[in-house]
Amino acid sequence: MTLKPSSGTEREPNWAKSSYSTDEGAQCVEVAAAPDDTILIRDSKNPDGPRLTFTPTTWAAFLPYAAKR
């Protein structure tokens, strides 16, 4: 998997979407590193919607689980 940067504004973090995601309405999430050392997750189809926030430790623990799905 590679990450494709999505467009961001100066106030927005630099969001990245997995290369496994498509623009044809598939379920997609985007990930960004926030300046306060947190990891942000959002639904790419609803960029202004709610976001999840993870600590780097929690995110690192989650990735092996997600990779198996």
PDB file of N, CA and C in Angstrom:
ATOM      1  N   MET A   1       0.839  -1.168   0.000  1.00  0.00           N
ATOM      2  CA  MET A   1       0.000   0.000   0.000  1.00  0.00           C
ATOM      3  C   MET A   1       0.885   1.232   0.000  1.00  0.00           C
ATOM      4  N   THR A   2       0.493   2.204  -0.798  1.00  0.00           N
ATOM      5  CA  THR A   2       1.140   3.512  -0.769  1.00  0.00           C
ATOM      6  C   THR A   2       0.088   4.546  -0.433  1.00  0.00           C
ATOM      7  N   LEU A   3       0.514   5.687   0.032  1.00  0.00           N
ATOM      8  CA  LEU A   3      -0.419   6.751   0.369  1.00  0.00           C
ATOM      9  C   LEU A   3      -0.375   7.824  -0.694  1.00  0.00           C
ATOM     10  N   LYS A   4      -1.573   8.301  -1.091  1.00  0.00           N
ATOM     11  CA  LYS A   4      -1.677   9.363  -2.070  1.00  0.00           C
ATOM     12  C   LYS A   4      -2.095  10.628  -1.329  1.00  0.00           C
ATOM     13  N   PRO A   5      -1.261  11.674  -1.338  1.00  0.00           N
ATOM     14  CA  PRO A   5      -1.662  12.903  -0.652  1.00  0.00           C
ATOM     15  C   PRO A   5      -2.922  13.483  -1.274  1.00  0.00           C
ATOM     16  N   SER A   6      -3.807  13.993  -0.423  1.00  0.00           N
ATOM     17  CA  SER A   6      -4.970  14.698  -0.923  1.00  0.00           C
ATOM     18  C   SER A   6      -4.744  16.177  -0.713  1.00  0.00           C
ATOM     19  N   SER A   7      -5.513  16.987  -1.416  1.00  0.00           N
ATOM     20  CA  SER A   7      -5.298  18.416  -1.298  1.00  0.00           C
ATOM     21  C   SER A   7      -5.677  18.891   0.096  1.00  0.00           C
ATOM     22  N   GLY A   8      -4.893  19.762   0.641  1.00  0.00           N
ATOM     23  CA  GLY A   8      -5.164  20.327   1.954  1.00  0.00           C
ATOM     24  C   GLY A   8      -4.958  21.830   1.906  1.00  0.00           C
ATOM     25  N   THR A   9      -5.528  22.521   2.844  1.00  0.00           N
ATOM     26  CA  THR A   9      -5.345  23.957   2.919  1.00  0.00           C
ATOM     27  C   THR A   9      -4.318  24.242   3.997  1.00  0.00           C
ATOM     28  N   GLU A  10      -3.969  25.502   4.166  1.00  0.00           N
ATOM     29  CA  GLU A  10      -2.987  25.858   5.184  1.00  0.00           C
ATOM     30  C   GLU A  10      -3.484  25.521   6.583  1.00  0.00           C
ATOM     31  N   ARG A  11      -4.791  25.573   6.812  1.00  0.00           N
ATOM     32  CA  ARG A  11      -5.329  25.270   8.125  1.00  0.00           C
ATOM     33  C   ARG A  11      -5.566  23.779   8.319  1.00  0.00           C
ATOM     34  N   GLU A  12      -5.569  23.040   7.268  1.00  0.00           N
ATOM     35  CA  GLU A  12      -5.845  21.608   7.333  1.00  0.00           C
ATOM     36  C   GLU A  12      -4.540  20.821   7.323  1.00  0.00           C
ATOM     37  N   PRO A  13      -4.536  19.692   7.996  1.00  0.00           N
ATOM     38  CA  PRO A  13      -3.360  18.809   7.902  1.00  0.00           C
ATOM     39  C   PRO A  13      -3.227  18.252   6.492  1.00  0.00           C
ATOM     40  N   ASN A  14      -2.094  17.694   6.184  1.00  0.00           N
ATOM     41  CA  ASN A  14      -1.849  17.078   4.887  1.00  0.00           C
ATOM     42  C   ASN A  14      -2.402  15.652   4.920  1.00  0.00           C
ATOM     43  N   TRP A  15      -3.606  15.466   4.392  1.00  0.00           N
ATOM     44  CA  TRP A  15      -4.289  14.177   4.419  1.00  0.00           C
ATOM     45  C   TRP A  15      -3.731  13.263   3.340  1.00  0.00           C
ATOM     46  N   ALA A  16      -3.704  11.974   3.627  1.00  0.00           N
ATOM     47  CA  ALA A  16      -3.248  10.971   2.658  1.00  0.00           C
ATOM     48  C   ALA A  16      -4.260   9.840   2.606  1.00  0.00           C
ATOM     49  N   LYS A  17      -4.509   9.349   1.391  1.00  0.00           N
ATOM     50  CA  LYS A  17      -5.454   8.254   1.183  1.00  0.00           C
ATOM     51  C   LYS A  17      -4.692   7.056   0.635  1.00  0.00           C
ATOM     52  N   SER A  18      -5.060   5.877   1.051  1.00  0.00           N
ATOM     53  CA  SER A  18      -4.408   4.658   0.602  1.00  0.00           C
ATOM     54  C   SER A  18      -4.559   4.487  -0.910  1.00  0.00           C
ATOM     55  N   SER A  19      -3.549   3.899  -1.522  1.00  0.00           N
ATOM     56  CA  SER A  19      -3.636   3.588  -2.949  1.00  0.00           C
ATOM     57  C   SER A  19      -4.678   2.502  -3.216  1.00  0.00           C
ATOM     58  N   TYR A  20      -5.117   1.785  -2.175  1.00  0.00           N
ATOM     59  CA  TYR A  20      -6.175   0.791  -2.322  1.00  0.00           C
ATOM     60  C   TYR A  20      -7.548   1.453  -2.454  1.00  0.00           C
ATOM     61  N   SER A  21      -7.647   2.729  -2.101  1.00  0.00           N
ATOM     62  CA  SER A  21      -8.911   3.451  -2.184  1.00  0.00           C
ATOM     63  C   SER A  21      -9.133   3.913  -3.618  1.00  0.00           C
ATOM     64  N   THR A  22     -10.379   3.949  -4.005  1.00  0.00           N
ATOM     65  CA  THR A  22     -10.724   4.433  -5.340  1.00  0.00           C
ATOM     66  C   THR A  22     -11.646   5.631  -5.208  1.00  0.00           C
ATOM     67  N   ASP A  23     -11.828   6.351  -6.288  1.00  0.00           N
ATOM     68  CA  ASP A  23     -12.715   7.511  -6.284  1.00  0.00           C
ATOM     69  C   ASP A  23     -14.118   7.154  -6.758  1.00  0.00           C
ATOM     70  N   GLU A  24     -14.417   5.881  -6.899  1.00  0.00           N
ATOM     71  CA  GLU A  24     -15.728   5.450  -7.384  1.00  0.00           C
ATOM     72  C   GLU A  24     -16.700   5.162  -6.247  1.00  0.00           C
ATOM     73  N   GLY A  25     -16.542   5.807  -5.105  1.00  0.00           N
ATOM     74  CA  GLY A  25     -17.496   5.627  -4.020  1.00  0.00           C
ATOM     75  C   GLY A  25     -17.177   4.503  -3.059  1.00  0.00           C
ATOM     76  N   ALA A  26     -16.020   3.922  -3.182  1.00  0.00           N
ATOM     77  CA  ALA A  26     -15.650   2.853  -2.252  1.00  0.00           C
ATOM     78  C   ALA A  26     -15.434   3.436  -0.862  1.00  0.00           C
ATOM     79  N   GLN A  27     -15.421   2.573   0.116  1.00  0.00           N
ATOM     80  CA  GLN A  27     -15.172   3.025   1.483  1.00  0.00           C
ATOM     81  C   GLN A  27     -13.708   3.428   1.602  1.00  0.00           C
ATOM     82  N   CYS A  28     -13.480   4.680   1.951  1.00  0.00           N
ATOM     83  CA  CYS A  28     -12.122   5.202   2.016  1.00  0.00           C
ATOM     84  C   CYS A  28     -11.916   5.984   3.304  1.00  0.00           C
ATOM     85  N   VAL A  29     -10.739   5.869   3.831  1.00  0.00           N
ATOM     86  CA  VAL A  29     -10.355   6.710   4.952  1.00  0.00           C
ATOM     87  C   VAL A  29      -9.087   7.449   4.565  1.00  0.00           C
ATOM     88  N   GLU A  30      -8.897   8.596   5.183  1.00  0.00           N
ATOM     89  CA  GLU A  30      -7.682   9.374   4.996  1.00  0.00           C
ATOM     90  C   GLU A  30      -7.018   9.544   6.351  1.00  0.00           C
ATOM     91  N   VAL A  31      -5.704   9.644   6.329  1.00  0.00           N
ATOM     92  CA  VAL A  31      -4.905   9.739   7.545  1.00  0.00           C
ATOM     93  C   VAL A  31      -4.025  10.984   7.455  1.00  0.00           C
ATOM     94  N   ALA A  32      -3.843  11.644   8.595  1.00  0.00           N
ATOM     95  CA  ALA A  32      -2.947  12.803   8.644  1.00  0.00           C
ATOM     96  C   ALA A  32      -2.271  12.856  10.003  1.00  0.00           C
ATOM     97  N   ALA A  33      -1.048  13.356  10.010  1.00  0.00           N
ATOM     98  CA  ALA A  33      -0.346  13.607  11.270  1.00  0.00           C
ATOM     99  C   ALA A  33      -0.614  15.054  11.649  1.00  0.00           C
ATOM    100  N   ALA A  34      -1.091  15.262  12.862  1.00  0.00           N
ATOM    101  CA  ALA A  34      -1.379  16.608  13.352  1.00  0.00           C
ATOM    102  C   ALA A  34      -0.133  17.180  14.030  1.00  0.00           C
ATOM    103  N   PRO A  35      -0.042  18.504  14.098  1.00  0.00           N
ATOM    104  CA  PRO A  35       1.128  19.125  14.720  1.00  0.00           C
ATOM    105  C   PRO A  35       1.302  18.779  16.202  1.00  0.00           C
ATOM    106  N   ASP A  36       0.233  18.364  16.866  1.00  0.00           N
ATOM    107  CA  ASP A  36       0.324  18.051  18.294  1.00  0.00           C
ATOM    108  C   ASP A  36       0.670  16.577  18.545  1.00  0.00           C
ATOM    109  N   ASP A  37       1.314  15.934  17.579  1.00  0.00           N
ATOM    110  CA  ASP A  37       1.725  14.525  17.696  1.00  0.00           C
ATOM    111  C   ASP A  37       0.558  13.571  17.840  1.00  0.00           C
ATOM    112  N   THR A  38      -0.538  13.829  17.158  1.00  0.00           N
ATOM    113  CA  THR A  38      -1.643  12.886  17.099  1.00  0.00           C
ATOM    114  C   THR A  38      -1.864  12.485  15.649  1.00  0.00           C
ATOM    115  N   ILE A  39      -2.529  11.355  15.465  1.00  0.00           N
ATOM    116  CA  ILE A  39      -2.868  10.853  14.145  1.00  0.00           C
ATOM    117  C   ILE A  39      -4.366  11.067  13.957  1.00  0.00           C
ATOM    118  N   LEU A  40      -4.747  11.699  12.851  1.00  0.00           N
ATOM    119  CA  LEU A  40      -6.150  11.978  12.556  1.00  0.00           C
ATOM    120  C   LEU A  40      -6.643  11.035  11.467  1.00  0.00           C
ATOM    121  N   ILE A  41      -7.882  10.585  11.600  1.00  0.00           N
ATOM    122  CA  ILE A  41      -8.517   9.699  10.618  1.00  0.00           C
ATOM    123  C   ILE A  41      -9.856  10.322  10.259  1.00  0.00           C
ATOM    124  N   ARG A  42     -10.196  10.333   8.966  1.00  0.00           N
ATOM    125  CA  ARG A  42     -11.495  10.838   8.528  1.00  0.00           C
ATOM    126  C   ARG A  42     -12.007  10.025   7.351  1.00  0.00           C
ATOM    127  N   ASP A  43     -13.301  10.133   7.096  1.00  0.00           N
ATOM    128  CA  ASP A  43     -13.938   9.505   5.943  1.00  0.00           C
ATOM    129  C   ASP A  43     -13.696  10.416   4.742  1.00  0.00           C
ATOM    130  N   SER A  44     -13.080   9.904   3.707  1.00  0.00           N
ATOM    131  CA  SER A  44     -12.757  10.745   2.551  1.00  0.00           C
ATOM    132  C   SER A  44     -13.996  11.245   1.827  1.00  0.00           C
ATOM    133  N   LYS A  45     -15.114  10.561   1.992  1.00  0.00           N
ATOM    134  CA  LYS A  45     -16.350  11.012   1.352  1.00  0.00           C
ATOM    135  C   LYS A  45     -17.039  12.107   2.160  1.00  0.00           C
ATOM    136  N   ASN A  46     -16.596  12.331   3.392  1.00  0.00           N
ATOM    137  CA  ASN A  46     -17.185  13.350   4.262  1.00  0.00           C
ATOM    138  C   ASN A  46     -16.045  14.091   4.971  1.00  0.00           C
ATOM    139  N   PRO A  47     -15.243  14.855   4.222  1.00  0.00           N
ATOM    140  CA  PRO A  47     -14.051  15.470   4.808  1.00  0.00           C
ATOM    141  C   PRO A  47     -14.340  16.487   5.910  1.00  0.00           C
ATOM    142  N   ASP A  48     -15.534  17.037   5.942  1.00  0.00           N
ATOM    143  CA  ASP A  48     -15.886  17.989   6.995  1.00  0.00           C
ATOM    144  C   ASP A  48     -16.580  17.318   8.179  1.00  0.00           C
ATOM    145  N   GLY A  49     -16.725  16.016   8.110  1.00  0.00           N
ATOM    146  CA  GLY A  49     -17.398  15.268   9.162  1.00  0.00           C
ATOM    147  C   GLY A  49     -16.481  14.988  10.343  1.00  0.00           C
ATOM    148  N   PRO A  50     -16.919  14.096  11.217  1.00  0.00           N
ATOM    149  CA  PRO A  50     -16.136  13.791  12.415  1.00  0.00           C
ATOM    150  C   PRO A  50     -14.791  13.144  12.075  1.00  0.00           C
ATOM    151  N   ARG A  51     -13.858  13.326  12.976  1.00  0.00           N
ATOM    152  CA  ARG A  51     -12.518  12.747  12.828  1.00  0.00           C
ATOM    153  C   ARG A  51     -12.173  11.967  14.083  1.00  0.00           C
ATOM    154  N   LEU A  52     -11.464  10.892  13.882  1.00  0.00           N
ATOM    155  CA  LEU A  52     -10.925  10.137  15.014  1.00  0.00           C
ATOM    156  C   LEU A  52      -9.510  10.636  15.278  1.00  0.00           C
ATOM    157  N   THR A  53      -9.118  10.614  16.533  1.00  0.00           N
ATOM    158  CA  THR A  53      -7.778  11.033  16.922  1.00  0.00           C
ATOM    159  C   THR A  53      -7.112   9.898  17.691  1.00  0.00           C
ATOM    160  N   PHE A  54      -5.912   9.541  17.275  1.00  0.00           N
ATOM    161  CA  PHE A  54      -5.147   8.480  17.909  1.00  0.00           C
ATOM    162  C   PHE A  54      -3.809   9.033  18.388  1.00  0.00           C
ATOM    163  N   THR A  55      -3.307   8.480  19.479  1.00  0.00           N
ATOM    164  CA  THR A  55      -1.918   8.746  19.846  1.00  0.00           C
ATOM    165  C   THR A  55      -1.051   7.909  18.915  1.00  0.00           C
ATOM    166  N   PRO A  56       0.201   8.283  18.720  1.00  0.00           N
ATOM    167  CA  PRO A  56       1.065   7.462  17.866  1.00  0.00           C
ATOM    168  C   PRO A  56       1.180   6.010  18.350  1.00  0.00           C
ATOM    169  N   THR A  57       1.193   5.799  19.655  1.00  0.00           N
ATOM    170  CA  THR A  57       1.285   4.439  20.195  1.00  0.00           C
ATOM    171  C   THR A  57       0.040   3.630  19.855  1.00  0.00           C
ATOM    172  N   THR A  58      -1.125   4.224  20.020  1.00  0.00           N
ATOM    173  CA  THR A  58      -2.376   3.540  19.698  1.00  0.00           C
ATOM    174  C   THR A  58      -2.463   3.255  18.211  1.00  0.00           C
ATOM    175  N   TRP A  59      -2.074   4.204  17.382  1.00  0.00           N
ATOM    176  CA  TRP A  59      -2.096   4.023  15.928  1.00  0.00           C
ATOM    177  C   TRP A  59      -1.172   2.876  15.523  1.00  0.00           C
ATOM    178  N   ALA A  60       0.025   2.837  16.094  1.00  0.00           N
ATOM    179  CA  ALA A  60       0.978   1.766  15.776  1.00  0.00           C
ATOM    180  C   ALA A  60       0.433   0.402  16.184  1.00  0.00           C
ATOM    181  N   ALA A  61      -0.299   0.350  17.286  1.00  0.00           N
ATOM    182  CA  ALA A  61      -0.895  -0.924  17.727  1.00  0.00           C
ATOM    183  C   ALA A  61      -2.067  -1.328  16.833  1.00  0.00           C
ATOM    184  N   PHE A  62      -2.776  -0.360  16.276  1.00  0.00           N
ATOM    185  CA  PHE A  62      -3.933  -0.629  15.427  1.00  0.00           C
ATOM    186  C   PHE A  62      -3.530  -1.128  14.030  1.00  0.00           C
ATOM    187  N   LEU A  63      -2.454  -0.634  13.488  1.00  0.00           N
ATOM    188  CA  LEU A  63      -2.078  -0.953  12.106  1.00  0.00           C
ATOM    189  C   LEU A  63      -1.954  -2.442  11.805  1.00  0.00           C
ATOM    190  N   PRO A  64      -1.304  -3.254  12.647  1.00  0.00           N
ATOM    191  CA  PRO A  64      -1.242  -4.695  12.332  1.00  0.00           C
ATOM    192  C   PRO A  64      -2.635  -5.338  12.286  1.00  0.00           C
ATOM    193  N   TYR A  65      -3.535  -4.901  13.158  1.00  0.00           N
ATOM    194  CA  TYR A  65      -4.906  -5.407  13.158  1.00  0.00           C
ATOM    195  C   TYR A  65      -5.597  -5.045  11.834  1.00  0.00           C
ATOM    196  N   ALA A  66      -5.493  -3.790  11.435  1.00  0.00           N
ATOM    197  CA  ALA A  66      -6.148  -3.335  10.209  1.00  0.00           C
ATOM    198  C   ALA A  66      -5.569  -4.002   8.965  1.00  0.00           C
ATOM    199  N   ALA A  67      -4.280  -4.282   8.984  1.00  0.00           N
ATOM    200  CA  ALA A  67      -3.634  -4.892   7.829  1.00  0.00           C
ATOM    201  C   ALA A  67      -4.163  -6.309   7.562  1.00  0.00           C
ATOM    202  N   LYS A  68      -4.691  -6.953   8.580  1.00  0.00           N
ATOM    203  CA  LYS A  68      -5.226  -8.305   8.430  1.00  0.00           C
ATOM    204  C   LYS A  68      -6.638  -8.314   7.872  1.00  0.00           C
ATOM    205  N   ARG A  69      -7.276  -7.177   7.766  1.00  0.00           N
ATOM    206  CA  ARG A  69      -8.679  -7.088   7.323  1.00  0.00           C
ATOM    207  C   ARG A  69      -8.778  -6.854   5.862  1.00  0.00           C
TER     208      ARG A  69
END
